[in-house]
């Protein structure tokens, strides 16, 4: 039975090969792939026919391309952005009253009462 041919790399245009050849070569020289796949192709045309092109390109892009920025949350209040507080939905009067009561309770619990004798020592 004939040996299975390696999977063909996707077709890449000449301009992309030219742009990729230098940076990929620099990265490849420092990678662990060199021991497995040997010398890097000297020209962009040879790069397209190189059996390790697909694997090397995938690993190069994974190592050098930043992941996309996280998606912004959509607000349930229309077109507002839920990731910022300045666009938050207006609070109801009841919510404001509850928040004020919680702040006042917290402030009261954090008050320190100093005995008159201890105050003189300060």
Foldseek 3Di string as FASTA:
>chain_A
DDDDDQDQDDDDDLVVLVVCQVVLQVVVVPDPCCVVQPDADPDSVVLNVRSCNRVSVVVSCVVPPDDDDDDFDQDPPPRFTPVDPVRDDDDDPVVVVVVVVVVVVVVVVPDDDDDPVRVVVD
